[in-house]
Amino acid sequence: MTEEIKFQLDIAKEAMQESVKHLEQVLSKIRAGKANPQMLGGVQIDYYGTSTPISQMANVNTPDAQTISIQPWDKTVLQDIEKGIMEANLGFTPMNNGEMIMINIPPLTQERRLELVKQAKQEVEQCKVSIRNVRHKANDEMKQLGKEGLSEDMEKDAEAEVQKLTDIFITKTDEHFTSKEKEILTI
């Protein structure tokens, strides 16, 4: 196998890994009825003129499966954190006791669980489309190498390798979905 083919396969593999990594991050933010500090990962607070994630200005813990506690290092930002969580529209209400903020995660209804499964399925489909786009681009590169003098057999072998990579990463996305679906539907 020539260096060019190996290089293109490495690029394709890396791009597919990035797609799966992004899917993992998105799925981790879909709540499954259990408290998880990552639920607040997208919440940004204006901290002295800078948009800052909560995790960089407070300890975020889960004392039990239904509660998230946020204990800021600077008590003067309690109201700002509370306001930021409300504005993020995450579906729960923070309670400020002057020392820390507590968030009770309400149990999910069956209807909401099915909506979350549907949302997870959409994210998985987007990931699969991304992986297929990478496959398409890699195959185009292999065809280009074929025009530049690569033998037909090597071109076909390279395209088969790209398809193997695609199948591996599509299987990984399906496994992530199955796992997330089970997590969401488990009461």
C-alpha atoms as a PDB file:
ATOM      1  CA  MET A   1       0.000   0.000   0.000  1.00  0.00           C
ATOM      2  CA  THR A   2       1.430   3.359  -0.966  1.00  0.00           C
ATOM      3  CA  GLU A   3       2.065   6.193   1.434  1.00  0.00           C
ATOM      4  CA  GLU A   4      -0.689   8.305  -0.171  1.00  0.00           C
ATOM      5  CA  ILE A   5      -3.316   5.620   0.424  1.00  0.00           C
ATOM      6  CA  LYS A   6      -2.199   5.107   4.026  1.00  0.00           C
ATOM      7  CA  PHE A   7      -2.258   8.872   4.580  1.00  0.00           C
ATOM      8  CA  GLN A   8      -5.815   9.184   3.190  1.00  0.00           C
ATOM      9  CA  LEU A   9      -6.993   6.233   5.292  1.00  0.00           C
ATOM     10  CA  ASP A  10      -5.505   7.832   8.429  1.00  0.00           C
ATOM     11  CA  ILE A  11      -7.283  11.111   7.656  1.00  0.00           C
ATOM     12  CA  ALA A  12     -10.593   9.269   7.152  1.00  0.00           C
ATOM     13  CA  LYS A  13     -10.172   7.281  10.364  1.00  0.00           C
ATOM     14  CA  GLU A  14      -9.380  10.399  12.368  1.00  0.00           C
ATOM     15  CA  ALA A  15     -12.419  12.249  10.966  1.00  0.00           C
ATOM     16  CA  MET A  16     -14.697   9.300  11.768  1.00  0.00           C
ATOM     17  CA  GLN A  17     -13.289   9.116  15.310  1.00  0.00           C
ATOM     18  CA  GLU A  18     -14.048  12.831  15.748  1.00  0.00           C
ATOM     19  CA  SER A  19     -17.647  12.235  14.658  1.00  0.00           C
ATOM     20  CA  VAL A  20     -18.074   9.443  17.217  1.00  0.00           C
ATOM     21  CA  LYS A  21     -16.403  11.533  19.932  1.00  0.00           C
ATOM     22  CA  HIS A  22     -18.823  14.384  19.207  1.00  0.00           C
ATOM     23  CA  LEU A  23     -21.741  11.933  19.388  1.00  0.00           C
ATOM     24  CA  GLU A  24     -20.527  10.725  22.803  1.00  0.00           C
ATOM     25  CA  GLN A  25     -20.453  14.315  24.089  1.00  0.00           C
ATOM     26  CA  VAL A  26     -23.932  15.078  22.757  1.00  0.00           C
ATOM     27  CA  LEU A  27     -25.406  11.860  24.160  1.00  0.00           C
ATOM     28  CA  SER A  28     -23.863  12.541  27.575  1.00  0.00           C
ATOM     29  CA  LYS A  29     -25.875  15.778  27.742  1.00  0.00           C
ATOM     30  CA  ILE A  30     -29.194  14.025  27.090  1.00  0.00           C
ATOM     31  CA  ARG A  31     -30.460  13.396  30.585  1.00  0.00           C
ATOM     32  CA  ALA A  32     -31.720   9.981  31.505  1.00  0.00           C
ATOM     33  CA  GLY A  33     -33.493  10.796  34.759  1.00  0.00           C
ATOM     34  CA  LYS A  34     -30.302  10.627  36.814  1.00  0.00           C
ATOM     35  CA  ALA A  35     -28.444  13.683  38.036  1.00  0.00           C
ATOM     36  CA  ASN A  36     -25.216  14.243  36.097  1.00  0.00           C
ATOM     37  CA  PRO A  37     -22.843  17.251  36.332  1.00  0.00           C
ATOM     38  CA  GLN A  38     -22.524  17.202  32.530  1.00  0.00           C
ATOM     39  CA  MET A  39     -26.139  18.376  32.306  1.00  0.00           C
ATOM     40  CA  LEU A  40     -24.815  21.828  33.162  1.00  0.00           C
ATOM     41  CA  GLY A  41     -21.896  21.585  30.703  1.00  0.00           C
ATOM     42  CA  GLY A  42     -23.423  24.010  28.218  1.00  0.00           C
ATOM     43  CA  VAL A  43     -24.375  26.662  30.791  1.00  0.00           C
ATOM     44  CA  GLN A  44     -22.216  29.786  30.553  1.00  0.00           C
ATOM     45  CA  ILE A  45     -22.152  32.482  33.259  1.00  0.00           C
ATOM     46  CA  ASP A  46     -20.994  36.075  32.791  1.00  0.00           C
ATOM     47  CA  TYR A  47     -18.115  36.156  35.289  1.00  0.00           C
ATOM     48  CA  TYR A  48     -16.397  39.559  35.451  1.00  0.00           C
ATOM     49  CA  GLY A  49     -17.168  40.203  31.784  1.00  0.00           C
ATOM     50  CA  THR A  50     -16.127  36.751  30.556  1.00  0.00           C
ATOM     51  CA  SER A  51     -18.474  33.938  29.570  1.00  0.00           C
ATOM     52  CA  THR A  52     -17.385  31.082  31.855  1.00  0.00           C
ATOM     53  CA  PRO A  53     -18.636  27.497  32.265  1.00  0.00           C
ATOM     54  CA  ILE A  54     -20.007  26.679  35.728  1.00  0.00           C
ATOM     55  CA  SER A  55     -17.392  23.941  36.179  1.00  0.00           C
ATOM     56  CA  GLN A  56     -14.637  26.602  36.107  1.00  0.00           C
ATOM     57  CA  MET A  57     -16.155  28.662  38.895  1.00  0.00           C
ATOM     58  CA  ALA A  58     -17.706  26.112  41.245  1.00  0.00           C
ATOM     59  CA  ASN A  59     -17.685  22.522  42.452  1.00  0.00           C
ATOM     60  CA  VAL A  60     -20.486  20.645  40.710  1.00  0.00           C
ATOM     61  CA  ASN A  61     -21.425  17.375  42.435  1.00  0.00           C
ATOM     62  CA  THR A  62     -24.205  14.817  42.565  1.00  0.00           C
ATOM     63  CA  PRO A  63     -24.836  13.922  46.210  1.00  0.00           C
ATOM     64  CA  ASP A  64     -27.532  11.452  45.094  1.00  0.00           C
ATOM     65  CA  ALA A  65     -29.163  10.255  41.876  1.00  0.00           C
ATOM     66  CA  GLN A  66     -31.782  13.033  41.891  1.00  0.00           C
ATOM     67  CA  THR A  67     -29.748  16.074  43.012  1.00  0.00           C
ATOM     68  CA  ILE A  68     -27.011  18.291  41.596  1.00  0.00           C
ATOM     69  CA  SER A  69     -25.203  20.621  44.011  1.00  0.00           C
ATOM     70  CA  ILE A  70     -23.209  23.640  42.875  1.00  0.00           C
ATOM     71  CA  GLN A  71     -20.876  25.266  45.389  1.00  0.00           C
ATOM     72  CA  PRO A  72     -19.165  28.345  43.899  1.00  0.00           C
ATOM     73  CA  TRP A  73     -15.713  29.354  45.103  1.00  0.00           C
ATOM     74  CA  ASP A  74     -16.889  32.981  45.110  1.00  0.00           C
ATOM     75  CA  LYS A  75     -20.234  33.312  46.949  1.00  0.00           C
ATOM     76  CA  THR A  76     -20.990  36.611  45.171  1.00  0.00           C
ATOM     77  CA  VAL A  77     -21.818  34.755  41.945  1.00  0.00           C
ATOM     78  CA  LEU A  78     -24.601  32.588  43.412  1.00  0.00           C
ATOM     79  CA  GLN A  79     -27.334  34.738  41.842  1.00  0.00           C
ATOM     80  CA  ASP A  80     -25.508  34.840  38.508  1.00  0.00           C
ATOM     81  CA  ILE A  81     -25.230  31.033  38.429  1.00  0.00           C
ATOM     82  CA  GLU A  82     -28.893  30.678  39.393  1.00  0.00           C
ATOM     83  CA  LYS A  83     -29.895  33.138  36.647  1.00  0.00           C
ATOM     84  CA  GLY A  84     -27.694  31.359  34.080  1.00  0.00           C
ATOM     85  CA  ILE A  85     -29.274  27.981  34.822  1.00  0.00           C
ATOM     86  CA  MET A  86     -32.766  29.479  34.503  1.00  0.00           C
ATOM     87  CA  GLU A  87     -31.870  31.152  31.180  1.00  0.00           C
ATOM     88  CA  ALA A  88     -30.383  27.895  29.831  1.00  0.00           C
ATOM     89  CA  ASN A  89     -33.936  26.476  29.951  1.00  0.00           C
ATOM     90  CA  LEU A  90     -32.865  22.981  31.016  1.00  0.00           C
ATOM     91  CA  GLY A  91     -36.216  22.086  32.531  1.00  0.00           C
ATOM     92  CA  PHE A  92     -35.353  22.330  36.227  1.00  0.00           C
ATOM     93  CA  THR A  93     -35.345  25.051  38.841  1.00  0.00           C
ATOM     94  CA  PRO A  94     -32.287  25.862  40.965  1.00  0.00           C
ATOM     95  CA  MET A  95     -32.702  26.530  44.701  1.00  0.00           C
ATOM     96  CA  ASN A  96     -30.266  28.971  46.287  1.00  0.00           C
ATOM     97  CA  ASN A  97     -29.711  28.607  50.054  1.00  0.00           C
ATOM     98  CA  GLY A  98     -27.052  31.327  50.352  1.00  0.00           C
ATOM     99  CA  GLU A  99     -24.158  28.831  50.456  1.00  0.00           C
ATOM    100  CA  MET A 100     -24.798  26.661  47.426  1.00  0.00           C
ATOM    101  CA  ILE A 101     -27.323  25.925  44.702  1.00  0.00           C
ATOM    102  CA  MET A 102     -29.251  22.670  44.727  1.00  0.00           C
ATOM    103  CA  ILE A 103     -31.103  21.311  41.694  1.00  0.00           C
ATOM    104  CA  ASN A 104     -33.622  18.500  42.084  1.00  0.00           C
ATOM    105  CA  ILE A 105     -33.940  16.471  38.901  1.00  0.00           C
ATOM    106  CA  PRO A 106     -37.593  15.510  38.417  1.00  0.00           C
ATOM    107  CA  PRO A 107     -38.287  11.907  37.406  1.00  0.00           C
ATOM    108  CA  LEU A 108     -39.011  11.470  33.709  1.00  0.00           C
ATOM    109  CA  THR A 109     -42.439  10.567  32.414  1.00  0.00           C
ATOM    110  CA  GLN A 110     -42.703   7.743  29.875  1.00  0.00           C
ATOM    111  CA  GLU A 111     -43.641  10.283  27.200  1.00  0.00           C
ATOM    112  CA  ARG A 112     -40.528  12.360  27.945  1.00  0.00           C
ATOM    113  CA  ARG A 113     -38.358   9.215  27.888  1.00  0.00           C
ATOM    114  CA  LEU A 114     -39.619   8.403  24.380  1.00  0.00           C
ATOM    115  CA  GLU A 115     -38.878  11.977  23.273  1.00  0.00           C
ATOM    116  CA  LEU A 116     -35.324  11.651  24.614  1.00  0.00           C
ATOM    117  CA  VAL A 117     -34.857   8.347  22.768  1.00  0.00           C
ATOM    118  CA  LYS A 118     -36.046  10.059  19.582  1.00  0.00           C
ATOM    119  CA  GLN A 119     -33.602  12.921  20.196  1.00  0.00           C
ATOM    120  CA  ALA A 120     -30.750  10.443  20.746  1.00  0.00           C
ATOM    121  CA  LYS A 121     -31.708   8.629  17.526  1.00  0.00           C
ATOM    122  CA  GLN A 122     -31.524  11.916  15.589  1.00  0.00           C
ATOM    123  CA  GLU A 123     -28.038  12.591  16.960  1.00  0.00           C
ATOM    124  CA  VAL A 124     -26.922   9.072  15.980  1.00  0.00           C
ATOM    125  CA  GLU A 125     -28.288   9.563  12.466  1.00  0.00           C
ATOM    126  CA  GLN A 126     -26.394  12.860  12.152  1.00  0.00           C
ATOM    127  CA  CYS A 127     -23.226  11.061  13.223  1.00  0.00           C
ATOM    128  CA  LYS A 128     -23.806   8.338  10.625  1.00  0.00           C
ATOM    129  CA  VAL A 129     -24.289  10.965   7.910  1.00  0.00           C
ATOM    130  CA  SER A 130     -21.036  12.588   8.983  1.00  0.00           C
ATOM    131  CA  ILE A 131     -19.216   9.243   8.793  1.00  0.00           C
ATOM    132  CA  ARG A 132     -20.668   8.539   5.352  1.00  0.00           C
ATOM    133  CA  ASN A 133     -19.562  11.986   4.166  1.00  0.00           C
ATOM    134  CA  VAL A 134     -16.032  11.144   5.303  1.00  0.00           C
ATOM    135  CA  ARG A 135     -16.263   7.852   3.374  1.00  0.00           C
ATOM    136  CA  HIS A 136     -17.411   9.706   0.261  1.00  0.00           C
ATOM    137  CA  LYS A 137     -14.560  12.202   0.515  1.00  0.00           C
ATOM    138  CA  ALA A 138     -11.990   9.424   1.094  1.00  0.00           C
ATOM    139  CA  ASN A 139     -13.296   7.476  -1.919  1.00  0.00           C
ATOM    140  CA  ASP A 140     -13.024  10.630  -4.043  1.00  0.00           C
ATOM    141  CA  GLU A 141      -9.406  10.966  -2.910  1.00  0.00           C
ATOM    142  CA  MET A 142      -8.739   7.329  -3.878  1.00  0.00           C
ATOM    143  CA  LYS A 143     -10.272   7.936  -7.326  1.00  0.00           C
ATOM    144  CA  GLN A 144      -8.045  10.994  -7.681  1.00  0.00           C
ATOM    145  CA  LEU A 145      -4.995   8.866  -6.817  1.00  0.00           C
ATOM    146  CA  GLY A 146      -6.197   6.417  -9.475  1.00  0.00           C
ATOM    147  CA  LYS A 147      -6.165   9.204 -12.055  1.00  0.00           C
ATOM    148  CA  GLU A 148      -2.654  10.108 -10.935  1.00  0.00           C
ATOM    149  CA  GLY A 149      -1.320   6.649 -11.721  1.00  0.00           C
ATOM    150  CA  LEU A 150      -2.443   4.300  -8.921  1.00  0.00           C
ATOM    151  CA  SER A 151      -3.344   0.841 -10.249  1.00  0.00           C
ATOM    152  CA  GLU A 152      -7.017  -0.100 -10.441  1.00  0.00           C
ATOM    153  CA  ASP A 153      -6.541  -3.018  -8.037  1.00  0.00           C
ATOM    154  CA  MET A 154      -4.892  -0.796  -5.411  1.00  0.00           C
ATOM    155  CA  GLU A 155      -7.666   1.761  -5.829  1.00  0.00           C
ATOM    156  CA  LYS A 156     -10.347  -0.925  -5.281  1.00  0.00           C
ATOM    157  CA  ASP A 157      -8.447  -2.303  -2.257  1.00  0.00           C
ATOM    158  CA  ALA A 158      -8.187   1.208  -0.793  1.00  0.00           C
ATOM    159  CA  GLU A 159     -11.924   1.793  -1.277  1.00  0.00           C
ATOM    160  CA  ALA A 160     -12.596  -1.548   0.433  1.00  0.00           C
ATOM    161  CA  GLU A 161     -10.458  -0.394   3.393  1.00  0.00           C
ATOM    162  CA  VAL A 162     -12.466   2.841   3.579  1.00  0.00           C
ATOM    163  CA  GLN A 163     -15.680   0.783   3.633  1.00  0.00           C
ATOM    164  CA  LYS A 164     -14.299  -1.392   6.454  1.00  0.00           C
ATOM    165  CA  LEU A 165     -13.537   1.748   8.478  1.00  0.00           C
ATOM    166  CA  THR A 166     -17.022   3.070   7.774  1.00  0.00           C
ATOM    167  CA  ASP A 167     -18.641  -0.192   8.912  1.00  0.00           C
ATOM    168  CA  ILE A 168     -16.605  -0.195  12.134  1.00  0.00           C
ATOM    169  CA  PHE A 169     -17.604   3.362  13.055  1.00  0.00           C
ATOM    170  CA  ILE A 170     -21.269   2.918  12.070  1.00  0.00           C
ATOM    171  CA  THR A 171     -21.343  -0.114  14.390  1.00  0.00           C
ATOM    172  CA  LYS A 172     -19.858   2.016  17.186  1.00  0.00           C
ATOM    173  CA  THR A 173     -22.587   4.645  16.760  1.00  0.00           C
ATOM    174  CA  ASP A 174     -25.253   1.923  16.896  1.00  0.00           C
ATOM    175  CA  GLU A 175     -23.710   0.584  20.111  1.00  0.00           C
ATOM    176  CA  HIS A 176     -23.759   4.075  21.645  1.00  0.00           C
ATOM    177  CA  PHE A 177     -27.423   4.455  20.709  1.00  0.00           C
ATOM    178  CA  THR A 178     -28.380   1.058  22.138  1.00  0.00           C
ATOM    179  CA  SER A 179     -26.607   1.901  25.388  1.00  0.00           C
ATOM    180  CA  LYS A 180     -28.199   5.361  25.642  1.00  0.00           C
ATOM    181  CA  GLU A 181     -31.654   4.021  24.772  1.00  0.00           C
ATOM    182  CA  LYS A 182     -31.379   1.418  27.537  1.00  0.00           C
ATOM    183  CA  GLU A 183     -30.189   4.093  29.986  1.00  0.00           C
ATOM    184  CA  ILE A 184     -33.093   6.423  29.116  1.00  0.00           C
ATOM    185  CA  LEU A 185     -35.810   3.756  29.233  1.00  0.00           C
ATOM    186  CA  THR A 186     -34.602   2.194  32.492  1.00  0.00           C
ATOM    187  CA  ILE A 187     -36.753   3.490  35.332  1.00  0.00           C
END
